[in-house]
Structure formats: structure tokens, C-alpha cells
Amino acid sequence: MFETVTEKLPVYTGTKQPDPDERDANGRSRLPYLPNPELVEAVNLAIYLERPLLLKGEPGCGKTQLAPAVAYELGLPLEAWYVKSTSRARDGLYTYDAVGRLRDAQLAASGRLSAEQLLASENPASYIRWGPLGRAFLRERRTIVLIDEIDKADIDFPNDLLLELDERRFVVEETGQEVQAIAPPIVFITSNDEKDLPDAFLRRCLFHYVEFPKRDRLIEIIHALFPATPAAIVDQAITRFEALREEMRKDKGEAGKKVSTSELIDWVRVLRRYPEDEALAKLNSKLPYPGVLLKSWEDHIRYLKK
């Protein structure tokens, strides 16, 4: 049996938003996050059932931003694991500095280590570096863990995490130490559907598809991010943005790359540098600043000629 926490389960509401000037530990501005009720419910089910929440949705729809938003509202630490094509499942648990241990053994043999360094070199645990999931298991508080873009890794990657996500434990092979989660972490996993995930992995997760926001929600998001922006600019910018998305949907189908929420935010950020009348004039003529929205030469040719 793994040890579990006994405190009351945290509840996410999606209503606590940072102040406009508030910054995170890395000095970056905290952005508001406005989830719909279905997403809020999915988060709380994942907390209650102690299951990872697998999030899918088109790129730029806000999957990655959910974990920091939940951590902020609940006042919990956040561990982010950004998966790459070369990532191994063990990287998120720990890495072992075998090269460093060999170096220290050679230095010890030649008498070039202090007594303190020599003592540390004789302990294999001195060469362990905990990964995001490993640190979350070792904390006495619940931790929010983001495993971002899991489908970027090798197809075996999700299967290699089954025990760790299901039973919340793992063994450090080099020392034989078994690490058991003290407090069950709250795990969010994102996928862009670049490859299918194994059935055994999917069975251990809850699933939610992050829908692209409707017009009212887009307006709410922009006003939350840029509260001083005139309503006329926001309204016209979203009208142009939605028209462009619809053209892309007709041309490319539902699976094709379309402009996303993150690109809309950048676009409005550029437009609000101008006085209201000048910004509206730009929005009522040829699509302004297309490089913010259109990310391929084919899209520039196709949509700027219309």
C-alpha cells in the first residue's frame, strides 16, 4: 500500500485569476485562464479519482496552460516535464550520473578528493538527480505535474510509465531504492495526436478534448488579458479572426492547421499598440500583420489573395 494524504481534496473552480502585473517564479507574467465548465469538471474528476487527465485539442487551444492555472488557484507546486523526441520515461523520474561517479572514483584513487567528497563518492545516491515526476513523488504536499506533448516521444514511452502513473512508485535501479509517492500528484498530460497512444496507457487516464472557444469566450479571454483594449477593436479583431478560421476549415478540413487562440492573443497584442481609429482602419482593410496568424508560405498565398 502506498501512503496517501488525508487532507480534504482540493477543488478547482477556474475562477481565481492572477493580477495583471503578477509574475511567476521565472519572472514571466501570469496570464488568466478561463476554462469552460466541462474542463473544470474534468480536472476535479481527475483529482477525485487520482487519475492522470489526458488533454487533446488542436495546437494553441490552451492545453499546456491548464496545469499552471490549476497550480496557481490551488496554491500547489508545479513540475513541468516537456517531452522531446529523445526523452525516455526514466528521465522524468531520475537520472544517474554514472560518468560523474567514475570521475570521482578516479580522483579518489589518486587522493585528490577531500574527506567529505570521498564520503559522498562512496554513496551511489549522491549521483541521483530527480526528475519532475520523481520530485513530485518525494514531496509531502500534492504537486501539479505537467507531462507536455507525450506523443512526441517514442511509442514505448507511455507504456514505460504505466507502473509509475498507476501505482505511483518506482525503483532507482542503481541503488535499489523504492520511491513511493507520499501525496498523490495531480497529473496533466497533453497530446497533439501526432501518434496513437497505447490502450494500456489510455485505460489509466481520464480524457478531455479541449474545444476551441466560441466567440463569447474569445471576447472574454481577450478582455481578461488586455482589459484596457476598446471593445470595438476586440469585436472587429475576433470577427476577422473567425472568418479566417472558417476559410481555413473549408479549405483544409477539421484536421488541418488553423489559426489558434495563442495567435489571436499575439495579434491583438500587436493591434492594441495603435489608437482605436487606426487599429480599426487596419482591421477593415487587408489582413494586418499576417505573419502573426499565417505560419506557412502556402497560407500567405492562399488567404492574402482573397
Protein backbone atom coordinates (compact mmCIF):
# COMPACT_ATOMS: atom_id res chain seq x y z
CA MET A 1 0.00 0.00 0.00
CA PHE A 2 1.23 3.47 -0.82
CA GLU A 3 0.89 6.22 1.73
CA THR A 4 -1.83 8.72 0.94
CA VAL A 5 -2.67 12.15 2.23
CA THR A 6 -5.66 12.60 4.48
CA GLU A 7 -6.40 16.28 3.93
CA LYS A 8 -9.55 17.42 2.15
CA LEU A 9 -9.33 17.10 -1.62
CA PRO A 10 -8.62 20.39 -3.39
CA VAL A 11 -11.34 21.71 -5.69
CA TYR A 12 -10.61 23.67 -8.86
CA THR A 13 -13.12 26.31 -9.90
CA GLY A 14 -11.30 28.20 -12.67
CA THR A 15 -12.33 31.49 -11.11
CA LYS A 16 -9.15 32.62 -9.33
CA GLN A 17 -7.15 34.74 -11.76
CA PRO A 18 -3.79 36.49 -11.26
CA ASP A 19 -3.44 40.25 -11.07
CA PRO A 20 -2.34 41.86 -14.37
CA ASP A 21 1.15 42.67 -13.04
CA GLU A 22 1.70 39.37 -11.21
CA ARG A 23 4.70 37.25 -12.29
CA ASP A 24 5.69 33.64 -11.78
CA ALA A 25 8.92 32.27 -10.28
CA ASN A 26 10.68 32.75 -13.62
CA GLY A 27 9.70 36.41 -13.86
CA ARG A 28 7.12 35.85 -16.60
CA SER A 29 3.70 37.48 -16.48
CA ARG A 30 0.95 35.21 -15.22
CA LEU A 31 -1.88 35.02 -17.73
CA PRO A 32 -5.54 34.47 -16.89
CA TYR A 33 -7.02 31.12 -17.87
CA LEU A 34 -10.75 30.81 -18.47
CA PRO A 35 -11.82 27.16 -18.65
CA ASN A 36 -15.33 26.10 -19.59
CA PRO A 37 -17.44 24.17 -17.04
CA GLU A 38 -16.73 20.81 -18.72
CA LEU A 39 -12.98 21.27 -18.35
CA VAL A 40 -13.36 22.32 -14.71
CA GLU A 41 -15.39 19.17 -14.07
CA ALA A 42 -12.74 17.01 -15.79
CA VAL A 43 -10.00 18.48 -13.57
CA ASN A 44 -11.95 17.77 -10.39
CA LEU A 45 -12.73 14.22 -11.51
CA ALA A 46 -9.01 13.63 -12.08
CA ILE A 47 -8.27 14.93 -8.58
CA TYR A 48 -11.00 12.80 -7.02
CA LEU A 49 -10.14 9.58 -8.87
CA GLU A 50 -6.37 10.20 -8.65
CA ARG A 51 -6.02 9.54 -12.36
CA PRO A 52 -3.95 11.47 -14.92
CA LEU A 53 -6.01 13.79 -17.13
CA LEU A 54 -5.12 13.37 -20.81
CA LEU A 55 -5.84 16.55 -22.77
CA LYS A 56 -6.17 16.68 -26.53
CA GLY A 57 -7.16 19.52 -28.82
CA GLU A 58 -5.78 21.50 -31.71
CA PRO A 59 -2.43 23.25 -31.15
CA GLY A 60 -2.77 26.60 -29.41
CA CYS A 61 -6.08 25.84 -27.70
CA GLY A 62 -4.65 26.14 -24.17
CA LYS A 63 -3.87 22.55 -23.13
CA THR A 64 -0.44 23.35 -21.73
CA GLN A 65 -1.65 26.42 -19.80
CA LEU A 66 -4.16 24.43 -17.74
CA ALA A 67 -1.63 22.90 -15.34
CA PRO A 68 -0.09 26.26 -14.28
CA ALA A 69 -3.60 27.69 -13.89
CA VAL A 70 -4.67 24.84 -11.59
CA ALA A 71 -1.41 25.11 -9.61
CA TYR A 72 -1.97 28.86 -9.19
CA GLU A 73 -5.55 28.59 -7.98
CA LEU A 74 -4.90 25.69 -5.61
CA GLY A 75 -1.61 27.11 -4.34
CA LEU A 76 0.30 23.92 -5.18
CA PRO A 77 3.83 23.47 -6.58
CA LEU A 78 4.14 22.80 -10.30
CA GLU A 79 6.55 20.39 -12.01
CA ALA A 80 6.68 20.60 -15.82
CA TRP A 81 8.13 17.85 -17.99
CA TYR A 82 8.39 18.96 -21.63
CA VAL A 83 8.74 15.77 -23.67
CA LYS A 84 11.10 15.63 -26.66
CA SER A 85 11.65 13.02 -29.34
CA THR A 86 14.71 11.81 -27.41
CA SER A 87 13.01 11.69 -23.99
CA ARG A 88 12.96 8.45 -22.02
CA ALA A 89 10.37 7.65 -19.38
CA ARG A 90 13.05 7.37 -16.71
CA ASP A 91 14.15 10.97 -17.35
CA GLY A 92 11.02 12.19 -15.61
CA LEU A 93 11.78 10.07 -12.56
CA TYR A 94 15.54 10.48 -12.16
CA THR A 95 18.86 10.47 -13.94
CA TYR A 96 22.01 8.83 -12.65
CA ASP A 97 25.37 10.50 -13.20
CA ALA A 98 27.45 7.40 -13.92
CA VAL A 99 30.14 9.48 -15.63
CA GLY A 100 30.44 11.70 -12.56
CA ARG A 101 30.79 8.67 -10.29
CA LEU A 102 33.54 7.20 -12.49
CA ARG A 103 35.36 10.53 -12.46
CA ASP A 104 35.16 10.75 -8.69
CA ALA A 105 36.39 7.17 -8.35
CA GLN A 106 39.47 8.07 -10.40
CA LEU A 107 40.06 11.21 -8.33
CA ALA A 108 39.67 9.21 -5.12
CA ALA A 109 42.22 6.65 -6.31
CA SER A 110 44.72 9.43 -6.88
CA GLY A 111 43.97 11.02 -3.49
CA ARG A 112 42.54 14.23 -4.91
CA LEU A 113 39.23 14.25 -3.02
CA SER A 114 38.61 15.79 0.37
CA ALA A 115 37.29 13.59 3.16
CA GLU A 116 33.80 15.00 2.63
CA GLN A 117 33.95 14.44 -1.14
CA LEU A 118 35.30 10.93 -0.63
CA LEU A 119 32.42 10.05 1.68
CA ALA A 120 29.89 11.36 -0.85
CA SER A 121 31.54 9.45 -3.70
CA GLU A 122 31.09 6.18 -1.83
CA ASN A 123 27.32 6.69 -1.68
CA PRO A 124 25.56 5.86 -5.01
CA ALA A 125 22.62 8.09 -4.00
CA SER A 126 24.88 11.13 -4.30
CA TYR A 127 24.71 10.79 -8.09
CA ILE A 128 20.92 10.75 -8.40
CA ARG A 129 19.21 13.80 -9.93
CA TRP A 130 15.44 13.70 -9.51
CA GLY A 131 13.20 14.46 -12.47
CA PRO A 132 9.84 16.31 -12.37
CA LEU A 133 7.77 13.23 -11.53
CA GLY A 134 10.37 11.99 -9.04
CA ARG A 135 10.36 15.33 -7.20
CA ALA A 136 6.56 15.27 -7.09
CA PHE A 137 6.59 11.77 -5.53
CA LEU A 138 9.03 12.90 -2.84
CA ARG A 139 7.05 15.96 -1.74
CA GLU A 140 4.79 15.77 1.27
CA ARG A 141 2.33 18.13 -0.47
CA ARG A 142 0.32 17.37 -3.56
CA THR A 143 2.10 18.59 -6.67
CA ILE A 144 0.73 19.50 -10.09
CA VAL A 145 2.68 17.62 -12.77
CA LEU A 146 2.52 18.57 -16.44
CA ILE A 147 3.71 15.98 -18.97
CA ASP A 148 3.60 18.06 -22.12
CA GLU A 149 3.25 16.63 -25.66
CA ILE A 150 3.69 12.98 -24.68
CA ASP A 151 3.13 11.92 -28.30
CA LYS A 152 6.48 13.47 -29.32
CA ALA A 153 8.38 10.61 -27.69
CA ASP A 154 8.90 7.04 -28.84
CA ILE A 155 5.79 4.83 -28.95
CA ASP A 156 7.09 2.82 -25.95
CA PHE A 157 7.37 5.94 -23.78
CA PRO A 158 3.76 5.91 -22.42
CA ASN A 159 3.94 2.17 -21.63
CA ASP A 160 7.14 2.72 -19.68
CA LEU A 161 5.19 4.99 -17.30
CA LEU A 162 2.32 2.60 -16.53
CA LEU A 163 3.54 1.48 -13.10
CA GLU A 164 4.58 4.98 -12.08
CA LEU A 165 1.24 6.55 -13.02
CA ASP A 166 -0.92 3.66 -11.81
CA GLU A 167 0.75 2.69 -8.52
CA ARG A 168 2.76 5.89 -8.05
CA ARG A 169 6.03 4.18 -7.26
CA PHE A 170 9.31 3.35 -8.96
CA VAL A 171 12.69 1.81 -8.18
CA VAL A 172 16.06 3.51 -8.62
CA GLU A 173 17.92 0.69 -10.35
CA GLU A 174 21.40 1.86 -9.37
CA THR A 175 20.66 1.91 -5.63
CA GLY A 176 17.67 -0.39 -5.23
CA GLN A 177 15.74 2.42 -3.52
CA GLU A 178 11.97 2.22 -3.96
CA VAL A 179 10.32 5.62 -4.18
CA GLN A 180 6.65 5.72 -3.20
CA ALA A 181 4.53 8.83 -3.68
CA ILE A 182 3.82 10.44 -0.31
CA ALA A 183 0.99 12.61 -1.68
CA PRO A 184 -0.68 11.62 -4.97
CA PRO A 185 0.33 14.16 -7.62
CA ILE A 186 -2.28 15.75 -9.88
CA VAL A 187 -1.08 14.84 -13.37
CA PHE A 188 -1.97 16.57 -16.63
CA ILE A 189 -0.80 15.04 -19.91
CA THR A 190 -1.12 16.80 -23.24
CA SER A 191 -1.09 15.30 -26.72
CA ASN A 192 -1.37 16.81 -30.19
CA ASP A 193 -2.42 13.43 -31.64
CA GLU A 194 0.79 13.07 -33.65
CA LYS A 195 0.67 9.35 -32.93
CA ASP A 196 -1.76 6.94 -31.27
CA LEU A 197 -1.21 6.22 -27.59
CA PRO A 198 -1.27 2.61 -26.31
CA ASP A 199 -4.57 1.23 -25.00
CA ALA A 200 -2.98 0.17 -21.70
CA PHE A 201 -1.90 3.77 -21.14
CA LEU A 202 -5.28 5.22 -22.13
CA ARG A 203 -7.07 2.94 -19.66
CA ARG A 204 -5.20 4.60 -16.81
CA CYS A 205 -6.18 8.14 -17.81
CA LEU A 206 -9.24 10.32 -17.86
CA PHE A 207 -9.74 12.07 -21.20
CA HIS A 208 -10.89 15.54 -22.18
CA TYR A 209 -10.90 17.22 -25.57
CA VAL A 210 -10.28 20.95 -25.22
CA GLU A 211 -12.75 22.55 -27.59
CA PHE A 212 -11.85 25.71 -29.45
CA PRO A 213 -13.51 28.67 -27.66
CA LYS A 214 -16.74 30.13 -29.02
CA ARG A 215 -16.97 33.83 -29.85
CA ASP A 216 -18.22 34.93 -26.43
CA ARG A 217 -15.38 33.05 -24.74
CA LEU A 218 -12.78 34.56 -27.09
CA ILE A 219 -14.05 38.05 -26.22
CA GLU A 220 -13.86 37.18 -22.53
CA ILE A 221 -10.29 35.88 -22.92
CA ILE A 222 -9.08 38.99 -24.76
CA HIS A 223 -10.71 41.36 -22.27
CA ALA A 224 -9.18 39.39 -19.38
CA LEU A 225 -5.72 39.64 -20.95
CA PHE A 226 -5.99 43.22 -22.21
CA PRO A 227 -8.67 44.93 -20.11
CA ALA A 228 -7.95 48.41 -21.50
CA THR A 229 -8.49 47.41 -25.14
CA PRO A 230 -11.51 49.18 -26.70
CA ALA A 231 -14.46 46.83 -27.26
CA ALA A 232 -14.69 47.84 -30.93
CA ILE A 233 -11.14 46.62 -31.61
CA VAL A 234 -11.77 43.32 -29.81
CA ASP A 235 -15.05 42.78 -31.66
CA GLN A 236 -13.62 43.52 -35.11
CA ALA A 237 -10.41 41.55 -34.50
CA ILE A 238 -12.37 38.46 -33.49
CA THR A 239 -14.71 38.87 -36.47
CA ARG A 240 -11.73 38.88 -38.85
CA PHE A 241 -10.11 36.02 -36.92
CA GLU A 242 -13.22 33.81 -37.04
CA ALA A 243 -13.70 34.49 -40.75
CA LEU A 244 -10.11 33.39 -41.39
CA ARG A 245 -10.59 30.23 -39.31
CA GLU A 246 -13.74 29.37 -41.26
CA GLU A 247 -11.92 29.80 -44.58
CA MET A 248 -9.16 27.52 -43.33
CA ARG A 249 -11.67 24.95 -42.12
CA LYS A 250 -13.35 24.84 -45.54
CA ASP A 251 -10.03 24.54 -47.35
CA LYS A 252 -8.18 22.16 -45.02
CA GLY A 253 -10.90 20.27 -43.17
CA GLU A 254 -11.16 19.81 -39.41
CA ALA A 255 -7.71 18.21 -39.12
CA GLY A 256 -5.80 20.96 -40.93
CA LYS A 257 -3.74 23.63 -39.14
CA LYS A 258 -5.89 26.68 -38.44
CA VAL A 259 -5.20 29.90 -36.59
CA SER A 260 -5.39 29.34 -32.84
CA THR A 261 -6.15 31.21 -29.64
CA SER A 262 -2.47 31.85 -28.93
CA GLU A 263 -2.10 33.50 -32.35
CA LEU A 264 -5.20 35.62 -31.76
CA ILE A 265 -3.69 36.84 -28.49
CA ASP A 266 -0.44 37.83 -30.19
CA TRP A 267 -2.38 39.54 -32.99
CA VAL A 268 -4.45 41.63 -30.59
CA ARG A 269 -1.31 42.49 -28.64
CA VAL A 270 0.14 43.99 -31.84
CA LEU A 271 -3.06 45.82 -32.81
CA ARG A 272 -3.51 47.48 -29.43
CA ARG A 273 -0.28 49.43 -29.92
CA TYR A 274 -2.28 51.78 -32.16
CA PRO A 275 -5.01 54.33 -31.40
CA GLU A 276 -8.52 52.92 -31.75
CA ASP A 277 -9.31 54.59 -35.09
CA GLU A 278 -6.01 53.48 -36.64
CA ALA A 279 -6.39 49.91 -35.40
CA LEU A 280 -9.96 49.72 -36.77
CA ALA A 281 -8.79 51.09 -40.13
CA LYS A 282 -6.21 48.32 -40.33
CA LEU A 283 -8.81 45.69 -39.41
CA ASN A 284 -11.21 46.95 -42.08
CA SER A 285 -8.68 46.71 -44.89
CA LYS A 286 -6.25 44.00 -45.98
CA LEU A 287 -5.49 41.49 -43.21
CA PRO A 288 -2.96 43.32 -40.99
CA TYR A 289 0.19 41.63 -39.73
CA PRO A 290 -0.47 38.30 -41.47
CA GLY A 291 2.82 36.84 -40.24
CA VAL A 292 1.35 36.66 -36.74
CA LEU A 293 -1.54 34.48 -37.95
CA LEU A 294 -0.33 32.66 -41.06
CA LYS A 295 2.60 30.34 -40.46
CA SER A 296 3.35 28.96 -43.92
CA TRP A 297 4.03 30.39 -47.36
CA GLU A 298 1.12 28.39 -48.77
CA ASP A 299 -1.24 30.07 -46.29
CA HIS A 300 0.09 33.51 -47.21
CA ILE A 301 -0.56 32.84 -50.90
CA ARG A 302 -3.99 31.32 -50.28
CA TYR A 303 -5.53 33.73 -47.78
CA LEU A 304 -3.92 37.07 -48.61
CA LYS A 305 -5.22 36.96 -52.18
CA LYS A 306 -8.83 36.62 -51.06
